[in-house]
Amino acid sequence: DLITAGWMLEELKSVGLTLEELRSSDYTAKKLRSADFAAEQLRSAGFMAEEQRAAGSTYEDLISAGFALEELKSVCFTEELRSAGFTAEEVRCAGYM
């Protein structure tokens, strides 16, 4: 098949293979980010905030992708959330100390 034949990820993306197909073939979040898949797309395909942050997504990317504050707790610093415009009350209610 196309995935195991050795084509580059960018080529596979350009011929219409879906993110779900690529993920099921063991492509990591890091490799998929390098092929310009957006954080929102990765989230839709089931990649968690932790995986995406480790792959190089910024806290802005994760917030734009729709992750809730509770989901960002393990990957975002409170300073980043403050910079993103969250209030102290929102951050505290999400479980941050």
C-alpha atoms as a PDB file:
ATOM      1  CA  ASP A   1       0.000   0.000   0.000  1.00  0.00           C
ATOM      2  CA  LEU A   2       0.993   3.648  -0.288  1.00  0.00           C
ATOM      3  CA  ILE A   3       2.015   4.051   3.324  1.00  0.00           C
ATOM      4  CA  THR A   4       4.368   1.087   3.493  1.00  0.00           C
ATOM      5  CA  ALA A   5       5.836   1.691   0.019  1.00  0.00           C
ATOM      6  CA  GLY A   6       8.154   4.410   1.290  1.00  0.00           C
ATOM      7  CA  TRP A   7       6.619   7.641   0.019  1.00  0.00           C
ATOM      8  CA  MET A   8       7.272  10.771   2.038  1.00  0.00           C
ATOM      9  CA  LEU A   9       4.540  11.902   4.406  1.00  0.00           C
ATOM     10  CA  GLU A  10       4.003  15.115   2.432  1.00  0.00           C
ATOM     11  CA  GLU A  11       3.344  13.069  -0.714  1.00  0.00           C
ATOM     12  CA  LEU A  12       0.864  10.854   1.087  1.00  0.00           C
ATOM     13  CA  LYS A  13      -0.935  13.929   2.384  1.00  0.00           C
ATOM     14  CA  SER A  14      -1.010  15.509  -1.090  1.00  0.00           C
ATOM     15  CA  VAL A  15      -2.717  12.474  -2.644  1.00  0.00           C
ATOM     16  CA  GLY A  16      -5.514  12.598  -0.106  1.00  0.00           C
ATOM     17  CA  LEU A  17      -4.676  10.103   2.599  1.00  0.00           C
ATOM     18  CA  THR A  18      -6.556  11.200   5.667  1.00  0.00           C
ATOM     19  CA  LEU A  19      -5.028  12.022   8.989  1.00  0.00           C
ATOM     20  CA  GLU A  20      -6.859   9.059  10.493  1.00  0.00           C
ATOM     21  CA  GLU A  21      -5.311   6.716   7.911  1.00  0.00           C
ATOM     22  CA  LEU A  22      -1.870   8.116   8.597  1.00  0.00           C
ATOM     23  CA  ARG A  23      -2.309   7.895  12.364  1.00  0.00           C
ATOM     24  CA  SER A  24      -3.445   4.283  12.135  1.00  0.00           C
ATOM     25  CA  SER A  25      -0.169   3.586  10.343  1.00  0.00           C
ATOM     26  CA  ASP A  26       1.791   4.715  13.405  1.00  0.00           C
ATOM     27  CA  TYR A  27       2.692   8.226  12.289  1.00  0.00           C
ATOM     28  CA  THR A  28       3.413  10.236  15.416  1.00  0.00           C
ATOM     29  CA  ALA A  29       2.065  13.672  16.267  1.00  0.00           C
ATOM     30  CA  LYS A  30       5.563  15.070  15.723  1.00  0.00           C
ATOM     31  CA  LYS A  31       5.801  13.677  12.185  1.00  0.00           C
ATOM     32  CA  LEU A  32       2.281  14.822  11.353  1.00  0.00           C
ATOM     33  CA  ARG A  33       2.983  18.346  12.692  1.00  0.00           C
ATOM     34  CA  SER A  34       6.069  18.457  10.471  1.00  0.00           C
ATOM     35  CA  ALA A  35       3.765  17.754   7.507  1.00  0.00           C
ATOM     36  CA  ASP A  36       1.748  20.855   8.436  1.00  0.00           C
ATOM     37  CA  PHE A  37      -1.240  19.197   9.993  1.00  0.00           C
ATOM     38  CA  ALA A  38      -2.786  21.723  12.382  1.00  0.00           C
ATOM     39  CA  ALA A  39      -3.342  21.099  16.082  1.00  0.00           C
ATOM     40  CA  GLU A  40      -7.097  21.113  15.496  1.00  0.00           C
ATOM     41  CA  GLN A  41      -6.754  18.373  12.895  1.00  0.00           C
ATOM     42  CA  LEU A  42      -4.561  16.322  15.219  1.00  0.00           C
ATOM     43  CA  ARG A  43      -7.095  16.751  18.018  1.00  0.00           C
ATOM     44  CA  SER A  44      -9.882  15.540  15.723  1.00  0.00           C
ATOM     45  CA  ALA A  45      -7.785  12.468  14.955  1.00  0.00           C
ATOM     46  CA  GLY A  46      -7.460  11.703  18.665  1.00  0.00           C
ATOM     47  CA  PHE A  47      -4.091  13.158  19.618  1.00  0.00           C
ATOM     48  CA  MET A  48      -4.161  14.463  23.187  1.00  0.00           C
ATOM     49  CA  ALA A  49      -2.714  17.784  24.353  1.00  0.00           C
ATOM     50  CA  GLU A  50       0.313  16.046  25.896  1.00  0.00           C
ATOM     51  CA  GLU A  51       1.217  14.329  22.621  1.00  0.00           C
ATOM     52  CA  GLN A  52       0.822  17.548  20.678  1.00  0.00           C
ATOM     53  CA  ARG A  53       2.838  19.657  23.108  1.00  0.00           C
ATOM     54  CA  ALA A  54       5.652  17.077  22.968  1.00  0.00           C
ATOM     55  CA  ALA A  55       5.443  17.313  19.167  1.00  0.00           C
ATOM     56  CA  GLY A  56       6.056  21.061  19.211  1.00  0.00           C
ATOM     57  CA  SER A  57       2.581  22.556  19.371  1.00  0.00           C
ATOM     58  CA  THR A  58       2.480  25.806  21.304  1.00  0.00           C
ATOM     59  CA  TYR A  59      -0.072  26.599  23.969  1.00  0.00           C
ATOM     60  CA  GLU A  60      -1.665  28.964  21.444  1.00  0.00           C
ATOM     61  CA  ASP A  61      -2.024  26.059  18.999  1.00  0.00           C
ATOM     62  CA  LEU A  62      -3.661  23.912  21.653  1.00  0.00           C
ATOM     63  CA  ILE A  63      -6.052  26.634  22.764  1.00  0.00           C
ATOM     64  CA  SER A  64      -7.007  27.335  19.137  1.00  0.00           C
ATOM     65  CA  ALA A  65      -7.584  23.605  18.640  1.00  0.00           C
ATOM     66  CA  GLY A  66     -10.270  23.754  21.312  1.00  0.00           C
ATOM     67  CA  PHE A  67      -8.630  21.986  24.227  1.00  0.00           C
ATOM     68  CA  ALA A  68     -10.276  22.901  27.529  1.00  0.00           C
ATOM     69  CA  LEU A  69      -8.280  24.392  30.374  1.00  0.00           C
ATOM     70  CA  GLU A  70      -8.579  21.102  32.253  1.00  0.00           C
ATOM     71  CA  GLU A  71      -6.949  19.300  29.320  1.00  0.00           C
ATOM     72  CA  LEU A  72      -4.117  21.827  29.217  1.00  0.00           C
ATOM     73  CA  LYS A  73      -3.282  21.531  32.906  1.00  0.00           C
ATOM     74  CA  SER A  74      -0.437  19.073  32.391  1.00  0.00           C
ATOM     75  CA  VAL A  75       1.109  20.906  29.437  1.00  0.00           C
ATOM     76  CA  CYS A  76       0.671  24.653  29.955  1.00  0.00           C
ATOM     77  CA  PHE A  77       2.152  26.972  32.534  1.00  0.00           C
ATOM     78  CA  THR A  78      -0.088  29.469  34.258  1.00  0.00           C
ATOM     79  CA  GLU A  79       1.966  32.307  32.730  1.00  0.00           C
ATOM     80  CA  GLU A  80       1.100  31.023  29.266  1.00  0.00           C
ATOM     81  CA  LEU A  81      -2.578  30.883  30.116  1.00  0.00           C
ATOM     82  CA  ARG A  82      -2.456  34.409  31.498  1.00  0.00           C
ATOM     83  CA  SER A  83      -0.807  35.571  28.259  1.00  0.00           C
ATOM     84  CA  ALA A  84      -3.585  33.846  26.329  1.00  0.00           C
ATOM     85  CA  GLY A  85      -6.152  35.964  28.159  1.00  0.00           C
ATOM     86  CA  PHE A  86      -7.549  33.543  30.710  1.00  0.00           C
ATOM     87  CA  THR A  87      -8.533  35.082  34.035  1.00  0.00           C
ATOM     88  CA  ALA A  88      -7.166  33.943  37.384  1.00  0.00           C
ATOM     89  CA  GLU A  89     -10.634  32.667  38.260  1.00  0.00           C
ATOM     90  CA  GLU A  90     -10.867  30.555  35.072  1.00  0.00           C
ATOM     91  CA  VAL A  91      -7.445  29.069  35.669  1.00  0.00           C
ATOM     92  CA  ARG A  92      -8.147  28.336  39.340  1.00  0.00           C
ATOM     93  CA  CYS A  93     -11.518  26.730  38.513  1.00  0.00           C
ATOM     94  CA  ALA A  94      -9.727  24.470  36.043  1.00  0.00           C
ATOM     95  CA  GLY A  95      -7.695  23.052  38.926  1.00  0.00           C
ATOM     96  CA  TYR A  96      -4.519  25.082  38.788  1.00  0.00           C
ATOM     97  CA  MET A  97      -3.170  26.175  42.150  1.00  0.00           C
END
